[in-house]
Amino acid sequence: DDLQRQEIDIRITLSFDRKRGSGASATRTFRLIGLRNEETDEYHLYLTNLGKEDYSAPDIAQLYRARWEVELLFKELKSRFGLDEINTTDAYIIEALVIMAAISLMMSRVIVDELRSLEARQREAEAAADADESASRLPRRRCSLAVERHAHLIQLYLMVELGYELPDLDELLLWASRNPNPHRQRLRSQVESGEFSFARH
């Protein structure tokens, strides 16, 4: 509580068990970085093995902030763009799914930026707030959820905007409703009526 400095940059040694219950322990030396938050008057602490000669204390804080953004990005890719359920071990399929998720995320970002610009213009017209304040009302993860939920409508609007004709609704519903395996229904009716029987040897 008595510390007043803006930065803390010290080396500390930590002891830890190599394996739980094994009794074998080890020690490692790290840099402990602390930067004072002027608003809360508290230190943000970071542990690192990056050298002082290459990375200053503010550099470490910035790297951690960037790392947190990456964590949020992966969380969004998993929860909104389907990367949490990849039911294959085929490297080509996995690569294709990751690329498709990344493209979807980039499209979502473009739409979010447009939404923020639109809301900023609306709020400026109403003289209720400035553009920076309005942008904070549209968090990216919430916007990506909205994009996911309304993706089919976005696709239709894009088709119209780009000059494509919308599909015929009757034909589309007929195509989507057709049974792709009509012979299976015949087998089911044969079993139900007793026509189907196993060959006996």
Protein backbone atom coordinates (compact mmCIF):
# COMPACT_ATOMS: atom_id res chain seq x y z
CA ASP A 1 0.00 0.00 0.00
CA ASP A 2 2.95 2.34 0.55
CA LEU A 3 4.26 1.98 -3.01
CA GLN A 4 3.87 5.16 -5.06
CA ARG A 5 5.94 4.36 -8.15
CA GLN A 6 4.27 4.07 -11.54
CA GLU A 7 6.08 0.85 -12.51
CA ILE A 8 7.28 -2.25 -10.68
CA ASP A 9 9.87 -4.38 -12.47
CA ILE A 10 11.51 -7.00 -10.26
CA ARG A 11 12.76 -10.58 -10.50
CA ILE A 12 11.10 -13.19 -8.31
CA THR A 13 11.75 -16.90 -7.75
CA LEU A 14 8.82 -19.29 -7.56
CA SER A 15 8.82 -22.85 -6.25
CA PHE A 16 6.38 -25.43 -7.54
CA ASP A 17 5.77 -29.19 -7.56
CA ARG A 18 6.90 -30.91 -10.75
CA LYS A 19 4.17 -33.57 -10.46
CA ARG A 20 1.28 -33.60 -8.09
CA GLY A 21 2.00 -35.92 -5.21
CA SER A 22 5.52 -36.81 -6.41
CA GLY A 23 7.29 -34.64 -3.85
CA ALA A 24 9.74 -33.40 -6.51
CA SER A 25 9.89 -29.61 -6.65
CA ALA A 26 11.58 -27.04 -8.87
CA THR A 27 12.22 -23.30 -8.89
CA ARG A 28 12.05 -20.78 -11.71
CA THR A 29 12.87 -17.09 -11.91
CA PHE A 30 10.53 -14.64 -13.64
CA ARG A 31 10.01 -10.92 -14.07
CA LEU A 32 7.12 -9.47 -12.13
CA ILE A 33 5.78 -6.36 -13.85
CA GLY A 34 3.38 -3.95 -12.21
CA LEU A 35 1.81 -0.85 -13.79
CA ARG A 36 -0.31 1.52 -11.75
CA ASN A 37 -3.80 2.22 -13.02
CA GLU A 38 -4.34 5.93 -12.44
CA GLU A 39 -8.13 5.59 -12.24
CA THR A 40 -8.25 2.81 -9.63
CA ASP A 41 -4.83 3.56 -8.06
CA GLU A 42 -4.09 -0.18 -8.17
CA TYR A 43 -1.36 -2.14 -9.91
CA HIS A 44 -1.96 -4.45 -12.86
CA LEU A 45 0.52 -7.31 -12.40
CA TYR A 46 2.09 -9.44 -15.14
CA LEU A 47 4.44 -12.42 -14.91
CA THR A 48 6.86 -12.99 -17.80
CA ASN A 49 10.16 -14.54 -18.82
CA LEU A 50 10.85 -11.88 -21.48
CA GLY A 51 14.08 -9.97 -20.84
CA LYS A 52 14.20 -6.37 -19.59
CA GLU A 53 16.71 -5.43 -22.28
CA ASP A 54 14.21 -6.26 -25.05
CA TYR A 55 10.83 -5.46 -23.46
CA SER A 56 10.03 -2.58 -21.11
CA ALA A 57 7.26 -2.84 -18.50
CA PRO A 58 4.73 -0.97 -20.73
CA ASP A 59 5.70 -3.32 -23.61
CA ILE A 60 4.77 -6.34 -21.47
CA ALA A 61 1.42 -4.78 -20.53
CA GLN A 62 0.70 -4.09 -24.20
CA LEU A 63 1.59 -7.68 -25.15
CA TYR A 64 -0.79 -9.02 -22.51
CA ARG A 65 -3.55 -6.74 -23.80
CA ALA A 66 -2.95 -8.05 -27.32
CA ARG A 67 -2.95 -11.62 -26.01
CA TRP A 68 -6.30 -11.03 -24.32
CA GLU A 69 -7.73 -9.74 -27.61
CA VAL A 70 -6.55 -12.98 -29.26
CA GLU A 71 -8.27 -15.00 -26.50
CA LEU A 72 -11.52 -13.10 -27.10
CA LEU A 73 -11.14 -13.66 -30.84
CA PHE A 74 -10.81 -17.43 -30.39
CA LYS A 75 -13.76 -17.44 -27.98
CA GLU A 76 -15.86 -15.69 -30.63
CA LEU A 77 -14.69 -18.09 -33.36
CA LYS A 78 -15.69 -21.04 -31.18
CA SER A 79 -19.00 -19.77 -29.84
CA ARG A 80 -20.31 -17.91 -32.91
CA PHE A 81 -18.65 -19.49 -35.94
CA GLY A 82 -18.67 -23.20 -35.14
CA LEU A 83 -15.02 -23.93 -34.29
CA ASP A 84 -15.98 -25.54 -30.97
CA GLU A 85 -17.36 -28.62 -32.74
CA ILE A 86 -15.07 -30.00 -35.42
CA ASN A 87 -15.99 -33.67 -35.77
CA THR A 88 -13.16 -34.71 -38.04
CA THR A 89 -9.43 -35.39 -37.95
CA ASP A 90 -8.95 -34.70 -41.66
CA ALA A 91 -6.42 -31.85 -41.87
CA TYR A 92 -7.88 -30.49 -45.13
CA ILE A 93 -11.40 -30.32 -43.72
CA ILE A 94 -10.18 -28.69 -40.51
CA GLU A 95 -8.23 -26.10 -42.53
CA ALA A 96 -11.29 -25.37 -44.68
CA LEU A 97 -13.50 -24.94 -41.58
CA VAL A 98 -10.99 -22.60 -39.94
CA ILE A 99 -10.71 -20.50 -43.13
CA MET A 100 -14.52 -20.34 -43.47
CA ALA A 101 -14.86 -19.27 -39.83
CA ALA A 102 -12.18 -16.59 -40.31
CA ILE A 103 -13.96 -15.26 -43.43
CA SER A 104 -17.27 -15.23 -41.55
CA LEU A 105 -15.63 -13.34 -38.69
CA MET A 106 -14.15 -10.76 -41.08
CA MET A 107 -17.55 -10.26 -42.73
CA SER A 108 -19.08 -9.86 -39.29
CA ARG A 109 -16.47 -7.21 -38.43
CA VAL A 110 -17.28 -5.25 -41.61
CA ILE A 111 -20.99 -5.36 -40.77
CA VAL A 112 -20.31 -4.32 -37.16
CA ASP A 113 -18.23 -1.34 -38.33
CA GLU A 114 -21.07 -0.31 -40.65
CA LEU A 115 -23.58 -0.66 -37.80
CA ARG A 116 -21.40 1.52 -35.57
CA SER A 117 -21.13 4.18 -38.27
CA LEU A 118 -24.89 4.06 -38.80
CA GLU A 119 -25.65 4.44 -35.10
CA ALA A 120 -23.09 7.22 -34.77
CA ARG A 121 -24.79 9.13 -37.58
CA GLN A 122 -28.20 8.58 -35.98
CA ARG A 123 -27.01 9.78 -32.59
CA GLU A 124 -25.28 12.79 -34.11
CA ALA A 125 -28.53 13.69 -35.85
CA GLU A 126 -30.32 13.47 -32.53
CA ALA A 127 -27.49 15.33 -30.78
CA ALA A 128 -27.68 12.74 -28.01
CA ALA A 129 -24.02 11.67 -27.92
CA ASP A 130 -20.82 11.75 -29.91
CA ALA A 131 -19.61 8.96 -32.22
CA ASP A 132 -17.14 7.49 -29.74
CA GLU A 133 -19.76 7.04 -27.05
CA SER A 134 -22.21 5.46 -29.46
CA ALA A 135 -19.62 2.96 -30.68
CA SER A 136 -19.24 1.59 -27.15
CA ARG A 137 -22.94 0.64 -27.19
CA LEU A 138 -22.29 -1.98 -29.87
CA PRO A 139 -19.87 -4.56 -28.47
CA ARG A 140 -18.38 -6.78 -31.16
CA ARG A 141 -19.36 -10.11 -29.63
CA ARG A 142 -23.01 -9.07 -29.29
CA CYS A 143 -23.01 -7.79 -32.86
CA SER A 144 -21.51 -11.04 -34.16
CA LEU A 145 -24.36 -12.91 -32.43
CA ALA A 146 -26.87 -10.68 -34.24
CA VAL A 147 -25.08 -11.34 -37.56
CA GLU A 148 -25.18 -15.10 -36.90
CA ARG A 149 -28.90 -15.06 -36.08
CA HIS A 150 -29.82 -13.07 -39.17
CA ALA A 151 -27.26 -14.48 -41.62
CA HIS A 152 -29.96 -15.81 -43.96
CA LEU A 153 -31.51 -12.34 -44.28
CA ILE A 154 -28.11 -10.76 -44.82
CA GLN A 155 -27.48 -13.24 -47.65
CA LEU A 156 -30.80 -12.39 -49.29
CA TYR A 157 -30.17 -8.63 -49.07
CA LEU A 158 -26.69 -9.13 -50.50
CA MET A 159 -28.09 -11.14 -53.40
CA VAL A 160 -30.57 -8.37 -54.22
CA GLU A 161 -27.90 -5.66 -53.82
CA LEU A 162 -25.54 -7.50 -56.16
CA GLY A 163 -28.22 -7.97 -58.81
CA TYR A 164 -28.98 -11.66 -58.31
CA GLU A 165 -32.53 -12.92 -58.54
CA LEU A 166 -34.06 -14.38 -55.41
CA PRO A 167 -34.85 -18.09 -55.66
CA ASP A 168 -38.43 -19.10 -56.36
CA LEU A 169 -39.86 -19.81 -52.90
CA ASP A 170 -42.12 -22.67 -54.03
CA GLU A 171 -39.27 -24.43 -55.84
CA LEU A 172 -36.91 -23.85 -52.92
CA LEU A 173 -39.33 -25.32 -50.37
CA LEU A 174 -40.12 -28.27 -52.63
CA TRP A 175 -36.43 -28.99 -53.12
CA ALA A 176 -35.67 -28.69 -49.39
CA SER A 177 -38.66 -30.87 -48.42
CA ARG A 178 -37.95 -33.81 -50.73
CA ASN A 179 -36.78 -36.99 -49.08
CA PRO A 180 -33.18 -37.59 -50.22
CA ASN A 181 -33.57 -41.34 -49.55
CA PRO A 182 -37.04 -42.31 -50.80
CA HIS A 183 -36.16 -46.03 -50.85
CA ARG A 184 -35.79 -46.05 -47.06
CA GLN A 185 -39.48 -45.25 -46.66
CA ARG A 186 -40.30 -48.31 -48.80
CA LEU A 187 -38.15 -50.49 -46.55
CA ARG A 188 -39.92 -49.15 -43.46
CA SER A 189 -43.36 -49.91 -44.92
CA GLN A 190 -42.17 -53.43 -45.86
CA VAL A 191 -41.04 -54.08 -42.28
CA GLU A 192 -44.30 -52.70 -40.86
CA SER A 193 -46.43 -54.82 -43.21
CA GLY A 194 -44.39 -57.97 -42.64
CA GLU A 195 -43.21 -58.19 -46.28
CA PHE A 196 -39.57 -57.84 -45.27
CA SER A 197 -37.92 -60.94 -43.89
CA PHE A 198 -34.38 -62.21 -43.42
CA ALA A 199 -33.14 -64.96 -45.70
CA ARG A 200 -32.87 -68.19 -43.71
CA HIS A 201 -30.09 -70.67 -44.40
